[in-house]
Amino acid sequence: MRWTVGHKISLGYLIAMILLITISLPAYLNLTYLLEAKQLADRTLAVISRIDDLESLIKDAETGQRGFLLTGDTSYLAPYLQAAQKIDGALLKFLAIERNNAVPPQRLELLRQAIGSKLAELQETVAIRQKNGLQPALAIVLTNRGKRDMDTIRSVISALKADEVMRSQALSAAVQLSIQTTRQIMLFGLPFAVLVMFLAAWLITRNIAHPLQELATAARRIAVGDLSVSLNIGPRQDELGILCHVFAEMVASLRGKASTAAAISRGELNIQPSLLSSEDELGLAFVAMVENLKGTVANLRSGSMIMSEVASTVSLVTEQVVGTADETASATLQLSTTVDELRQTTEITSKRMEDVSYRSAMSTEAAQQGKAAVHDASASMYEVQSCMAVLADRTAKLTERSLSIGEIASAVNHLAEQSAILSVNASLEAAHANEHGLGFAAVAAEIRSLASQSKQAVQTVRTILAEMQRLIAGLVDAAEQSNLAITRGVNRSEAASVALTRIAEVVESNTGTAKEVAVHAMQQATGIAQIAVTIHQIKVAASDNLLNMRNIKLATGELERASLGLRGQIAAFKT
C-alpha cells in the first residue's frame, strides 16, 4: 500500500482516537456504574430510613399504649393515636420501596401481618382499659401476644436492615473497586496514551517536517541566487517525495537558465535557449532576447562599418584639404614676398619721381617694371583666388560629409536608445521572474552598460562633429574673407597697373607732368602698402586654415579610434 502524507496524518489521528476511546470507555463505564451505585446507596439509605421511621412509630404507639394502661391518663394516648395514624402510610411506602429491592414477599407479608396484629393488640388493650379497667387489659398483655408480634417485627426489621447493610457493603466494595480501576486507568493509561501519541506525532512530524525543512532551506538558498543546492530525496513515493522530485527538476531547469544567461552575458548569441514547454515564459523571453540582441548587434555592426567608412572618407578629405592649405600657405607666402618687393619698388619709385624730370627714361623703365610686377601680383592673386575656390568647394564637401556623419551618429544613438529600452524590458521580465531571473537581470545590466557606452561614444562623435563644423564654418569665413581680400588686391593691382601705364604714357608724352606722376606714385605706394597688409591677412588666414584643418584631422582620427572601439565591443558578441 502506498502511504501518502494524508494516510500518515490520518493514522496518527486514528491512533489518538483509539487511545482516547480505550481510556474513555472504561472511565465512562465506571462513572456510569458509580452513578448507579449512588442511586442504589440512596435507595438503601431510604429503605433504612423507612424501616427506622416504621420502627419508631411502632415504638411510639407501644409506649403510649403502656403509659395509658399503667396510668389511665388519656394524654398518653396522643403518641399512640399519632403513631397509629402514620403507621399505615409508612408501611405502604416501605413495602413499595422493598418490592424494588427483590426482598422475599413472605418476609414483607410477615412484617405486615405482625404490624397489623400488634396494632390490633394495642387497640384492643386500650379499648379494654377504657371500658373495664387495668386488670383485664393487663391480662391481655400478659398473654404475650403483643410481645410475640413485637419480636416478630423486630426480627423482620433486623433481617431487612441486615440485608440492606450487606447490600450497602457489597455496593461499597464494588464502588471501591471501580474507583481503583478508574484510578489505575488514569494513572497508567493516560501517561501511556500520551507517550504513544507523542511518539506517533514525533514519527509523523519527523517523516513530514524534515523534508519540508530541507525544501524550505533549499528554497531560501535559491531565493538568494544559490543554485548549488542538492536534495536528499530517497525512495519516497508520497506527496513530499513527488514535491522533492519536482523541486529538483525546477533547480535543474534554473541551472540551465542560469547557464544560458551566463553565455548571453559573455556575448555568445549563437546559442539556442531550450524550451521546456509551450508555456515556458522564461525560455520564450530568453529566445526573444537573443533574437533582439542579434538584430541590435547586426544594426550596430552595420552602423559601425558605415561610421568607419565615413571617418576614413573624412580623414582622406581632411588630408587633401590640409595639402591644399599647405599649398595656399606657400602661395600666400610667395605673394607676400612679391608684394613686399613691389612695395619697396614703389617706394623707390616715389623717391625718385622728384628727379623724374631728368630721369624720365629711367622712370618710364621703372614704371614698366612696376607694371610687370603688378601684373605678376595680379596673376598670383588670381591663382590664390582659384585655390580659395577649390578650398571652398572641398570645405563644402567636408561639411556634407560631417552632416552624413551626424546622421550616422543619430542612427547609432537611436540604436543605443533601442538597446537601452530592450535592457529595461529585459529587467522588467527579470523582475517578473523574481529570483529565477537574476541571471537575466545581469544580462540586461550588461546590455544597458553597452548601450550607455554606445551613447557616450555617439556623444563624443557628436562633440567632435560639432567642433569640426565650427572649424569648417571658421574656415569658410576665413576663405570668404581671403577671397574678398584677394578680389580687392586684384582690383587694386589692376588699378596699379592702369596707373603705371598712365605714368609711362605721361612720362613718355610729357616730362613736365613729373610732379603729377609723383603724386600718382605716392598713391601707388599707398595701394601697394594696403595690398601688403591684405596679403599679410591672407597669410594669417591661410595659417589659421591650415591649423584648423590639422585639428579636423586629429578629430577625424579620434572618430576613427572611437569607431574601432565600437567595432571591438560589437565583435565581442558571437552571433
Protein backbone atom coordinates (compact mmCIF):
# COMPACT_ATOMS: atom_id res chain seq x y z
CA MET A 1 0.00 0.00 0.00
CA ARG A 2 1.28 3.46 -0.91
CA TRP A 3 1.32 5.60 2.24
CA THR A 4 0.57 9.20 1.37
CA VAL A 5 1.01 12.16 3.72
CA GLY A 6 -2.74 12.19 4.27
CA HIS A 7 -2.70 8.49 5.23
CA LYS A 8 0.13 9.09 7.70
CA ILE A 9 -1.63 12.03 9.33
CA SER A 10 -4.90 10.07 9.40
CA LEU A 11 -3.05 7.15 11.04
CA GLY A 12 -1.80 9.50 13.75
CA TYR A 13 -5.30 10.80 14.41
CA LEU A 14 -6.65 7.23 14.35
CA ILE A 15 -4.11 6.10 16.96
CA ALA A 16 -5.02 9.09 19.12
CA MET A 17 -8.75 8.32 18.77
CA ILE A 18 -8.22 4.64 19.60
CA LEU A 19 -6.20 5.54 22.69
CA LEU A 20 -8.78 8.09 23.78
CA ILE A 21 -11.60 5.57 23.28
CA THR A 22 -9.61 2.88 25.10
CA ILE A 23 -9.18 5.18 28.08
CA SER A 24 -12.51 6.97 27.93
CA LEU A 25 -14.75 3.88 27.55
CA PRO A 26 -13.74 2.16 30.85
CA ALA A 27 -13.82 5.52 32.58
CA TYR A 28 -17.29 6.16 31.19
CA LEU A 29 -18.49 2.70 32.23
CA ASN A 30 -17.04 3.15 35.71
CA LEU A 31 -18.61 6.57 36.04
CA THR A 32 -21.93 5.12 34.91
CA TYR A 33 -21.59 2.35 37.47
CA LEU A 34 -20.73 4.89 40.17
CA LEU A 35 -23.85 6.84 39.33
CA GLU A 36 -25.94 3.66 39.53
CA ALA A 37 -24.18 2.74 42.81
CA LYS A 38 -25.02 6.18 44.16
CA GLN A 39 -28.65 5.64 43.24
CA LEU A 40 -28.58 2.22 44.97
CA ALA A 41 -26.90 3.72 48.02
CA ASP A 42 -29.55 6.43 48.14
CA ARG A 43 -32.24 3.75 47.88
CA THR A 44 -30.59 1.74 50.68
CA LEU A 45 -30.47 4.80 52.87
CA ALA A 46 -34.11 5.49 52.06
CA VAL A 47 -35.09 1.86 52.98
CA ILE A 48 -33.18 2.04 56.25
CA SER A 49 -34.78 5.42 56.94
CA ARG A 50 -38.25 3.98 56.24
CA ILE A 51 -37.50 0.99 58.48
CA ASP A 52 -36.33 3.31 61.24
CA ASP A 53 -39.41 5.50 60.81
CA LEU A 54 -41.72 2.48 60.87
CA GLU A 55 -39.95 1.02 63.91
CA SER A 56 -40.05 4.38 65.67
CA LEU A 57 -43.81 4.73 65.03
CA ILE A 58 -44.46 1.21 66.38
CA LYS A 59 -42.37 2.01 69.46
CA ASP A 60 -44.23 5.30 69.96
CA ALA A 61 -47.57 3.52 69.70
CA GLU A 62 -46.46 0.81 72.17
CA THR A 63 -45.05 3.40 74.60
CA GLY A 64 -48.25 5.44 74.52
CA GLN A 65 -50.35 2.29 74.99
CA ARG A 66 -48.28 1.19 78.03
CA GLY A 67 -48.40 4.63 79.61
CA PHE A 68 -52.14 4.75 79.23
CA LEU A 69 -52.56 1.21 80.57
CA LEU A 70 -50.47 1.99 83.64
CA THR A 71 -51.83 5.45 84.43
CA GLY A 72 -55.14 5.62 82.71
CA ASP A 73 -54.18 9.15 81.68
CA THR A 74 -55.57 9.88 78.23
CA SER A 75 -52.70 12.22 77.50
CA TYR A 76 -50.57 9.13 76.89
CA LEU A 77 -52.85 8.22 74.03
CA ALA A 78 -51.67 11.16 71.94
CA PRO A 79 -48.40 9.44 70.80
CA TYR A 80 -50.33 6.24 70.30
CA LEU A 81 -53.02 7.86 68.18
CA GLN A 82 -50.49 9.79 66.09
CA ALA A 83 -48.35 6.69 65.53
CA ALA A 84 -51.42 4.59 64.71
CA GLN A 85 -52.45 7.09 62.03
CA LYS A 86 -48.96 7.20 60.43
CA ILE A 87 -48.06 3.52 60.59
CA ASP A 88 -50.23 2.51 57.65
CA GLY A 89 -48.76 5.15 55.35
CA ALA A 90 -45.22 4.43 56.47
CA LEU A 91 -45.81 0.71 55.97
CA LEU A 92 -47.13 1.24 52.44
CA LYS A 93 -44.12 3.41 51.49
CA PHE A 94 -41.74 0.87 52.97
CA LEU A 95 -43.37 -2.02 51.14
CA ALA A 96 -43.27 -0.02 47.86
CA ILE A 97 -39.51 0.54 48.24
CA GLU A 98 -38.76 -3.03 49.30
CA ARG A 99 -40.55 -4.52 46.30
CA ASN A 100 -37.83 -2.92 44.06
CA ASN A 101 -35.05 -4.44 46.20
CA ALA A 102 -36.03 -8.05 45.44
CA VAL A 103 -36.94 -8.77 49.11
CA PRO A 104 -38.77 -12.12 49.58
CA PRO A 105 -42.54 -11.45 49.61
CA GLN A 106 -43.02 -13.80 52.57
CA ARG A 107 -40.85 -11.60 54.74
CA LEU A 108 -42.78 -8.50 53.80
CA GLU A 109 -46.10 -10.27 54.33
CA LEU A 110 -44.90 -11.49 57.74
CA LEU A 111 -43.96 -7.96 58.68
CA ARG A 112 -47.28 -6.59 57.50
CA GLN A 113 -49.22 -9.24 59.46
CA ALA A 114 -47.11 -8.74 62.58
CA ILE A 115 -47.64 -4.96 62.46
CA GLY A 116 -51.35 -5.46 61.88
CA SER A 117 -51.57 -7.89 64.80
CA LYS A 118 -49.57 -5.56 67.04
CA LEU A 119 -51.80 -2.60 66.19
CA ALA A 120 -54.90 -4.75 66.85
CA GLU A 121 -53.48 -5.83 70.21
CA LEU A 122 -52.72 -2.22 71.12
CA GLN A 123 -56.13 -1.06 70.07
CA GLU A 124 -57.80 -3.91 71.97
CA THR A 125 -55.91 -3.27 75.22
CA VAL A 126 -56.60 0.47 75.02
CA ALA A 127 -60.28 -0.16 74.45
CA ILE A 128 -60.44 -2.67 77.36
CA ARG A 129 -58.54 -0.28 79.60
CA GLN A 130 -61.03 2.43 78.84
CA LYS A 131 -64.05 0.18 79.42
CA ASN A 132 -63.01 -2.47 82.01
CA GLY A 133 -60.02 -1.00 83.74
CA LEU A 134 -56.47 -2.03 84.23
CA GLN A 135 -56.69 -5.74 85.11
CA PRO A 136 -58.48 -7.00 82.01
CA ALA A 137 -56.13 -5.05 79.89
CA LEU A 138 -53.11 -6.40 81.77
CA ALA A 139 -54.49 -9.87 81.36
CA ILE A 140 -54.36 -9.42 77.61
CA VAL A 141 -50.81 -8.03 77.86
CA LEU A 142 -49.76 -10.99 79.97
CA THR A 143 -50.79 -13.34 77.24
CA ASN A 144 -47.55 -12.22 75.47
CA ARG A 145 -49.33 -11.91 72.16
CA GLY A 146 -48.12 -8.34 71.74
CA LYS A 147 -44.62 -9.35 72.76
CA ARG A 148 -44.55 -12.08 70.13
CA ASP A 149 -45.77 -9.65 67.48
CA MET A 150 -43.16 -7.14 68.55
CA ASP A 151 -40.44 -9.79 68.49
CA THR A 152 -41.56 -10.78 65.01
CA ILE A 153 -41.49 -7.13 63.89
CA ARG A 154 -38.02 -6.63 65.39
CA SER A 155 -36.75 -9.84 63.82
CA VAL A 156 -38.06 -8.95 60.36
CA ILE A 157 -36.80 -5.37 60.63
CA SER A 158 -33.39 -6.59 61.81
CA ALA A 159 -33.25 -9.02 58.90
CA LEU A 160 -34.25 -6.29 56.49
CA LYS A 161 -31.64 -3.96 57.96
CA ALA A 162 -29.03 -6.69 57.78
CA ASP A 163 -29.89 -7.27 54.11
CA GLU A 164 -29.61 -3.56 53.38
CA VAL A 165 -26.32 -3.34 55.28
CA MET A 166 -24.93 -6.31 53.34
CA ARG A 167 -26.15 -4.82 50.08
CA SER A 168 -24.58 -1.49 51.06
CA GLN A 169 -21.28 -3.17 51.93
CA ALA A 170 -21.22 -5.10 48.65
CA LEU A 171 -22.04 -1.91 46.77
CA SER A 172 -19.33 -0.07 48.66
CA ALA A 173 -16.79 -2.77 47.78
CA ALA A 174 -17.85 -2.62 44.12
CA VAL A 175 -17.59 1.17 44.19
CA GLN A 176 -14.14 0.98 45.71
CA LEU A 177 -13.10 -1.50 43.01
CA SER A 178 -14.49 0.75 40.29
CA ILE A 179 -12.73 3.77 41.76
CA GLN A 180 -9.50 1.83 42.00
CA THR A 181 -9.86 0.64 38.40
CA THR A 182 -10.56 4.19 37.19
CA ARG A 183 -7.63 5.47 39.17
CA GLN A 184 -5.30 2.89 37.63
CA ILE A 185 -6.58 3.72 34.18
CA MET A 186 -5.94 7.40 34.82
CA LEU A 187 -2.59 6.72 36.49
CA PHE A 188 -1.17 4.34 33.87
CA GLY A 189 -3.41 4.61 30.83
CA LEU A 190 -3.20 8.36 30.38
CA PRO A 191 0.64 8.56 30.52
CA PHE A 192 0.83 5.56 28.21
CA ALA A 193 -1.63 7.15 25.79
CA VAL A 194 0.20 10.48 25.94
CA LEU A 195 3.52 8.70 25.36
CA VAL A 196 2.14 6.75 22.40
CA MET A 197 0.57 9.90 20.91
CA PHE A 198 3.81 11.84 21.38
CA LEU A 199 5.77 9.01 19.76
CA ALA A 200 3.33 8.81 16.84
CA ALA A 201 3.35 12.62 16.48
CA TRP A 202 7.18 12.65 16.58
CA LEU A 203 7.46 9.92 13.94
CA ILE A 204 4.87 11.52 11.66
CA THR A 205 6.31 15.01 12.18
CA ARG A 206 9.84 13.76 11.54
CA ASN A 207 8.65 11.97 8.43
CA ILE A 208 6.92 15.12 7.13
CA ALA A 209 8.63 18.14 8.72
CA HIS A 210 12.23 17.11 7.93
CA PRO A 211 11.69 17.01 4.13
CA LEU A 212 9.69 20.24 4.35
CA GLN A 213 12.51 21.90 6.31
CA GLU A 214 15.02 20.69 3.74
CA LEU A 215 12.82 22.07 0.95
CA ALA A 216 12.48 25.40 2.80
CA THR A 217 16.27 25.63 3.23
CA ALA A 218 16.79 24.87 -0.47
CA ALA A 219 14.15 27.44 -1.45
CA ARG A 220 15.82 30.03 0.78
CA ARG A 221 19.19 29.39 -0.90
CA ILE A 222 17.59 29.59 -4.33
CA ALA A 223 15.93 32.87 -3.29
CA VAL A 224 19.38 34.42 -2.74
CA GLY A 225 20.64 33.08 -6.08
CA ASP A 226 22.43 29.90 -4.89
CA LEU A 227 21.59 27.13 -7.37
CA SER A 228 24.13 24.61 -5.98
CA VAL A 229 21.53 23.03 -3.70
CA SER A 230 21.04 19.27 -3.65
CA LEU A 231 18.06 17.41 -2.20
CA ASN A 232 18.27 14.02 -0.41
CA ILE A 233 15.05 12.66 -1.89
CA GLY A 234 15.39 8.96 -1.14
CA PRO A 235 12.84 6.30 -2.18
CA ARG A 236 9.76 8.26 -1.01
CA GLN A 237 6.66 7.93 -3.16
CA ASP A 238 4.28 10.16 -1.22
CA GLU A 239 3.35 13.77 -1.92
CA LEU A 240 6.57 15.03 -0.31
CA GLY A 241 8.61 12.68 -2.48
CA ILE A 242 6.81 13.96 -5.58
CA LEU A 243 7.36 17.56 -4.36
CA CYS A 244 11.08 16.88 -3.85
CA HIS A 245 11.39 15.39 -7.35
CA VAL A 246 9.57 18.38 -8.87
CA PHE A 247 11.75 20.76 -6.82
CA ALA A 248 14.90 19.00 -8.06
CA GLU A 249 13.64 19.32 -11.66
CA MET A 250 13.00 23.03 -11.03
CA VAL A 251 16.55 23.50 -9.69
CA ALA A 252 17.97 21.73 -12.75
CA SER A 253 15.85 23.95 -15.02
CA LEU A 254 17.02 27.09 -13.22
CA ARG A 255 20.63 25.95 -13.52
CA GLY A 256 20.10 25.55 -17.27
CA LYS A 257 18.53 29.01 -17.49
CA ALA A 258 21.41 30.46 -15.44
CA SER A 259 23.94 28.83 -17.80
CA THR A 260 22.08 30.29 -20.78
CA ALA A 261 22.03 33.73 -19.15
CA ALA A 262 25.77 33.48 -18.37
CA ALA A 263 26.50 32.56 -22.01
CA ILE A 264 24.43 35.52 -23.23
CA SER A 265 26.21 37.83 -20.77
CA ARG A 266 29.53 36.69 -22.31
CA GLY A 267 28.19 37.73 -25.72
CA GLU A 268 27.53 34.20 -27.02
CA LEU A 269 24.44 34.94 -29.09
CA ASN A 270 24.85 31.82 -31.24
CA ILE A 271 23.22 29.62 -28.58
CA GLN A 272 19.63 28.43 -28.82
CA PRO A 273 17.77 28.60 -25.46
CA SER A 274 15.84 25.39 -24.80
CA LEU A 275 12.08 25.49 -24.12
CA LEU A 276 10.67 23.10 -21.52
CA SER A 277 7.13 23.57 -22.83
CA SER A 278 4.99 25.93 -24.87
CA GLU A 279 4.24 27.81 -21.63
CA ASP A 280 7.89 28.32 -20.63
CA GLU A 281 7.73 32.12 -20.28
CA LEU A 282 11.34 32.46 -19.14
CA GLY A 283 12.60 30.33 -22.03
CA LEU A 284 10.49 32.28 -24.52
CA ALA A 285 11.84 35.52 -23.03
CA PHE A 286 15.43 34.21 -23.49
CA VAL A 287 14.68 33.29 -27.13
CA ALA A 288 13.17 36.73 -27.81
CA MET A 289 16.10 38.43 -26.05
CA VAL A 290 18.68 36.52 -28.10
CA GLU A 291 16.88 37.37 -31.36
CA ASN A 292 16.57 41.04 -30.38
CA LEU A 293 20.23 41.17 -29.35
CA LYS A 294 21.25 39.60 -32.66
CA GLY A 295 19.28 42.27 -34.52
CA THR A 296 20.74 45.03 -32.36
CA VAL A 297 24.30 43.75 -32.79
CA ALA A 298 23.77 43.47 -36.57
CA ASN A 299 22.50 47.06 -36.69
CA LEU A 300 25.40 48.25 -34.52
CA ARG A 301 27.88 46.37 -36.70
CA SER A 302 26.41 47.92 -39.85
CA GLY A 303 26.40 51.37 -38.26
CA SER A 304 29.99 50.99 -37.08
CA MET A 305 31.10 49.97 -40.57
CA ILE A 306 29.33 52.98 -42.07
CA MET A 307 30.85 55.24 -39.42
CA SER A 308 34.27 53.76 -40.10
CA GLU A 309 33.87 54.38 -43.85
CA VAL A 310 32.71 57.92 -43.21
CA ALA A 311 35.61 58.51 -40.83
CA SER A 312 38.02 57.22 -43.48
CA THR A 313 36.45 59.47 -46.09
CA VAL A 314 36.59 62.46 -43.76
CA SER A 315 40.22 61.65 -42.96
CA LEU A 316 41.08 61.47 -46.68
CA VAL A 317 39.30 64.74 -47.44
CA THR A 318 40.96 66.36 -44.45
CA GLU A 319 44.37 65.26 -45.68
CA GLN A 320 43.55 66.73 -49.08
CA VAL A 321 42.36 69.97 -47.51
CA VAL A 322 45.50 70.08 -45.37
CA GLY A 323 47.61 69.64 -48.53
CA THR A 324 45.65 72.35 -50.25
CA ALA A 325 46.04 74.57 -47.21
CA ASP A 326 49.79 73.97 -47.28
CA GLU A 327 49.86 74.95 -50.96
CA THR A 328 47.73 78.00 -50.20
CA ALA A 329 50.06 78.99 -47.38
CA SER A 330 53.06 78.61 -49.72
CA ALA A 331 51.36 80.66 -52.45
CA THR A 332 50.37 83.29 -49.93
CA LEU A 333 53.92 83.46 -48.65
CA GLN A 334 55.22 83.88 -52.20
CA LEU A 335 52.61 86.55 -52.88
CA SER A 336 53.57 88.32 -49.70
CA THR A 337 57.20 88.33 -50.79
CA THR A 338 56.22 89.69 -54.19
CA VAL A 339 54.09 92.41 -52.67
CA ASP A 340 56.92 93.38 -50.33
CA GLU A 341 59.20 93.70 -53.30
CA LEU A 342 56.54 95.69 -55.12
CA ARG A 343 56.17 97.94 -52.08
CA GLN A 344 59.89 98.53 -51.93
CA THR A 345 59.97 99.25 -55.64
CA THR A 346 57.07 101.66 -55.31
CA GLU A 347 58.85 103.49 -52.52
CA ILE A 348 61.98 103.78 -54.61
CA THR A 349 59.86 105.00 -57.50
CA SER A 350 58.22 107.57 -55.29
CA LYS A 351 61.55 108.87 -54.09
CA ARG A 352 62.98 109.06 -57.50
CA MET A 353 59.95 110.71 -59.03
CA GLU A 354 61.36 114.01 -57.76
CA ASP A 355 64.16 113.51 -60.12
CA VAL A 356 61.79 112.30 -62.85
CA SER A 357 62.44 115.34 -64.99
CA TYR A 358 65.93 114.31 -65.87
CA ARG A 359 65.40 110.58 -65.39
CA SER A 360 62.16 110.23 -67.23
CA ALA A 361 63.58 107.45 -69.26
CA MET A 362 64.63 105.68 -66.12
CA SER A 363 61.18 106.36 -64.58
CA THR A 364 59.49 105.01 -67.69
CA GLU A 365 61.55 101.86 -67.35
CA ALA A 366 60.73 101.68 -63.65
CA ALA A 367 57.06 102.23 -64.49
CA GLN A 368 57.24 99.38 -66.94
CA GLN A 369 58.87 97.19 -64.30
CA GLY A 370 56.18 98.21 -61.80
CA LYS A 371 53.52 97.40 -64.34
CA ALA A 372 55.04 93.96 -64.89
CA ALA A 373 55.29 93.38 -61.10
CA VAL A 374 51.71 94.40 -60.67
CA HIS A 375 50.75 92.06 -63.49
CA ASP A 376 52.64 89.26 -61.76
CA ALA A 377 50.96 90.12 -58.44
CA SER A 378 47.58 90.08 -60.14
CA ALA A 379 48.35 86.70 -61.64
CA SER A 380 49.43 85.41 -58.23
CA MET A 381 46.27 86.79 -56.71
CA TYR A 382 44.22 85.05 -59.39
CA GLU A 383 46.00 81.83 -58.52
CA VAL A 384 45.30 82.40 -54.83
CA GLN A 385 41.66 83.13 -55.70
CA SER A 386 41.46 79.83 -57.65
CA CYS A 387 42.97 77.98 -54.68
CA MET A 388 40.47 79.65 -52.42
CA ALA A 389 37.65 78.47 -54.71
CA VAL A 390 38.99 74.91 -54.56
CA LEU A 391 39.30 75.26 -50.78
CA ALA A 392 35.69 76.48 -50.55
CA ASP A 393 34.46 73.61 -52.72
CA ARG A 394 36.30 71.00 -50.66
CA THR A 395 35.16 72.69 -47.45
CA ALA A 396 31.55 72.38 -48.68
CA LYS A 397 32.13 68.67 -49.38
CA LEU A 398 33.67 68.31 -45.91
CA THR A 399 30.56 69.96 -44.45
CA GLU A 400 28.34 67.50 -46.32
CA ARG A 401 30.47 64.62 -45.00
CA SER A 402 30.20 65.94 -41.44
CA LEU A 403 26.40 66.13 -41.84
CA SER A 404 26.41 62.49 -43.05
CA ILE A 405 28.48 61.55 -40.01
CA GLY A 406 25.93 63.38 -37.82
CA GLU A 407 23.13 61.34 -39.39
CA ILE A 408 25.07 58.13 -38.77
CA ALA A 409 25.74 59.21 -35.19
CA SER A 410 21.99 59.83 -34.79
CA ALA A 411 21.32 56.32 -36.13
CA VAL A 412 23.85 54.83 -33.72
CA ASN A 413 22.33 56.88 -30.88
CA HIS A 414 18.89 55.55 -31.90
CA LEU A 415 20.27 52.01 -31.80
CA ALA A 416 21.75 52.69 -28.35
CA GLU A 417 18.40 54.02 -27.12
CA GLN A 418 16.64 50.94 -28.53
CA SER A 419 19.21 48.77 -26.72
CA ALA A 420 18.56 50.70 -23.50
CA ILE A 421 14.79 50.19 -23.93
CA LEU A 422 15.39 46.49 -24.63
CA SER A 423 17.53 46.23 -21.46
CA VAL A 424 14.76 47.92 -19.46
CA ASN A 425 12.23 45.42 -20.85
CA ALA A 426 14.63 42.62 -20.00
CA SER A 427 14.96 43.98 -16.45
CA LEU A 428 11.17 44.02 -16.14
CA GLU A 429 10.99 40.43 -17.37
CA ALA A 430 13.68 39.50 -14.82
CA ALA A 431 11.71 41.24 -12.05
CA HIS A 432 8.60 39.24 -13.06
CA ALA A 433 10.62 36.03 -12.77
CA ASN A 434 11.72 37.02 -9.20
CA GLU A 435 14.72 35.03 -8.05
CA HIS A 436 14.71 32.88 -11.24
CA GLY A 437 15.54 35.94 -13.34
CA LEU A 438 18.73 37.15 -11.61
CA GLY A 439 20.96 35.90 -14.43
CA PHE A 440 18.64 37.52 -16.92
CA ALA A 441 18.92 40.76 -14.94
CA ALA A 442 22.74 40.56 -15.20
CA VAL A 443 22.42 40.22 -18.99
CA ALA A 444 20.06 43.20 -19.08
CA ALA A 445 22.54 45.23 -16.99
CA GLU A 446 25.39 44.31 -19.42
CA ILE A 447 23.22 45.37 -22.38
CA ARG A 448 22.34 48.61 -20.58
CA SER A 449 26.08 49.22 -19.98
CA LEU A 450 26.88 48.59 -23.68
CA ALA A 451 24.02 50.91 -24.71
CA SER A 452 25.34 53.57 -22.32
CA GLN A 453 28.88 53.19 -23.77
CA SER A 454 27.43 53.44 -27.29
CA LYS A 455 25.57 56.62 -26.34
CA GLN A 456 28.76 58.03 -24.80
CA ALA A 457 30.69 57.18 -27.98
CA VAL A 458 27.95 58.81 -30.09
CA GLN A 459 28.08 61.86 -27.81
CA THR A 460 31.85 62.02 -28.33
CA VAL A 461 31.34 61.75 -32.11
CA ARG A 462 28.73 64.49 -31.99
CA THR A 463 31.09 66.70 -29.96
CA ILE A 464 33.87 66.10 -32.49
CA LEU A 465 31.46 66.77 -35.39
CA ALA A 466 30.29 69.99 -33.72
CA GLU A 467 33.93 71.05 -33.33
CA MET A 468 34.56 70.10 -36.98
CA GLN A 469 31.52 72.05 -38.15
CA ARG A 470 32.64 75.05 -36.08
CA LEU A 471 36.15 74.82 -37.53
CA ILE A 472 34.75 74.34 -41.04
CA ALA A 473 32.49 77.37 -40.53
CA GLY A 474 35.58 79.34 -39.42
CA LEU A 475 37.43 78.01 -42.46
CA VAL A 476 34.60 79.08 -44.74
CA ASP A 477 34.53 82.52 -43.16
CA ALA A 478 38.31 82.83 -43.47
CA ALA A 479 38.16 81.64 -47.09
CA GLU A 480 35.44 84.13 -47.88
CA GLN A 481 37.46 86.89 -46.24
CA SER A 482 40.57 85.75 -48.13
CA ASN A 483 38.61 85.70 -51.38
CA LEU A 484 37.30 89.19 -50.72
CA ALA A 485 40.81 90.38 -49.82
CA ILE A 486 42.23 88.75 -52.96
CA THR A 487 39.50 90.34 -55.04
CA ARG A 488 40.33 93.71 -53.55
CA GLY A 489 44.02 93.03 -54.16
CA VAL A 490 43.33 92.08 -57.77
CA ASN A 491 41.27 95.18 -58.27
CA ARG A 492 43.94 97.33 -56.73
CA SER A 493 46.64 95.56 -58.73
CA GLU A 494 44.67 96.29 -61.88
CA ALA A 495 44.31 99.88 -60.75
CA ALA A 496 48.04 99.98 -60.09
CA SER A 497 48.69 98.52 -63.50
CA VAL A 498 46.47 101.16 -65.12
CA ALA A 499 48.19 103.87 -63.08
CA LEU A 500 51.63 102.65 -64.07
CA THR A 501 50.54 102.55 -67.71
CA ARG A 502 49.32 106.10 -67.49
CA ILE A 503 52.55 107.10 -65.72
CA ALA A 504 54.54 105.54 -68.51
CA GLU A 505 52.45 107.35 -71.15
CA VAL A 506 52.66 110.61 -69.27
CA VAL A 507 56.44 110.23 -68.76
CA GLU A 508 56.82 109.48 -72.42
CA SER A 509 54.48 112.28 -73.51
CA ASN A 510 55.38 114.99 -71.07
CA THR A 511 58.12 115.06 -68.54
CA GLY A 512 56.64 118.25 -67.28
CA THR A 513 53.99 116.31 -65.57
CA ALA A 514 56.53 114.69 -63.26
CA LYS A 515 55.03 116.13 -60.17
CA GLU A 516 51.64 114.68 -61.12
CA VAL A 517 53.31 111.38 -61.80
CA ALA A 518 54.98 111.61 -58.38
CA VAL A 519 51.59 112.07 -56.78
CA HIS A 520 50.31 109.03 -58.59
CA ALA A 521 53.44 107.18 -57.49
CA MET A 522 52.68 108.07 -53.92
CA GLN A 523 49.11 106.77 -54.39
CA GLN A 524 50.56 103.60 -55.88
CA ALA A 525 52.84 103.22 -52.87
CA THR A 526 49.87 103.58 -50.57
CA GLY A 527 47.85 100.95 -52.54
CA ILE A 528 50.77 98.60 -52.55
CA ALA A 529 51.05 99.00 -48.79
CA GLN A 530 47.38 98.18 -48.46
CA ILE A 531 47.91 95.18 -50.73
CA ALA A 532 50.76 94.09 -48.48
CA VAL A 533 48.54 94.35 -45.43
CA THR A 534 45.83 92.36 -47.21
CA ILE A 535 48.31 89.72 -48.30
CA HIS A 536 49.55 89.51 -44.72
CA GLN A 537 45.97 88.95 -43.58
CA ILE A 538 45.56 86.27 -46.23
CA LYS A 539 48.75 84.66 -44.93
CA VAL A 540 47.45 84.69 -41.35
CA ALA A 541 44.10 83.31 -42.52
CA ALA A 542 45.84 80.57 -44.51
CA SER A 543 47.88 79.65 -41.43
CA ASP A 544 44.74 79.52 -39.33
CA ASN A 545 43.05 77.46 -42.02
CA LEU A 546 45.96 75.04 -42.02
CA LEU A 547 45.84 74.80 -38.22
CA ASN A 548 42.08 74.18 -38.33
CA MET A 549 42.49 71.50 -40.98
CA ARG A 550 45.05 69.76 -38.81
CA ASN A 551 42.65 69.94 -35.86
CA ILE A 552 39.96 68.44 -38.09
CA LYS A 553 42.40 65.70 -39.00
CA LEU A 554 43.06 64.99 -35.31
CA ALA A 555 39.30 64.92 -34.61
CA THR A 556 38.83 62.54 -37.52
CA GLY A 557 41.50 60.30 -36.03
CA GLU A 558 39.62 60.28 -32.73
CA LEU A 559 36.46 59.43 -34.65
CA GLU A 560 38.24 56.50 -36.32
CA ARG A 561 39.53 55.28 -32.94
CA ALA A 562 36.03 55.55 -31.46
CA SER A 563 34.68 53.61 -34.44
CA LEU A 564 37.32 50.90 -33.92
CA GLY A 565 36.46 50.73 -30.21
CA LEU A 566 32.77 50.35 -31.05
CA ARG A 567 33.57 47.63 -33.57
CA GLY A 568 35.68 45.84 -30.95
CA GLN A 569 32.80 45.91 -28.47
CA ILE A 570 30.40 44.65 -31.12
CA ALA A 571 32.86 41.90 -32.11
CA ALA A 572 32.59 40.54 -28.54
CA PHE A 573 29.11 39.28 -29.43
CA LYS A 574 29.24 35.85 -31.07
CA THR A 575 26.34 35.60 -33.49
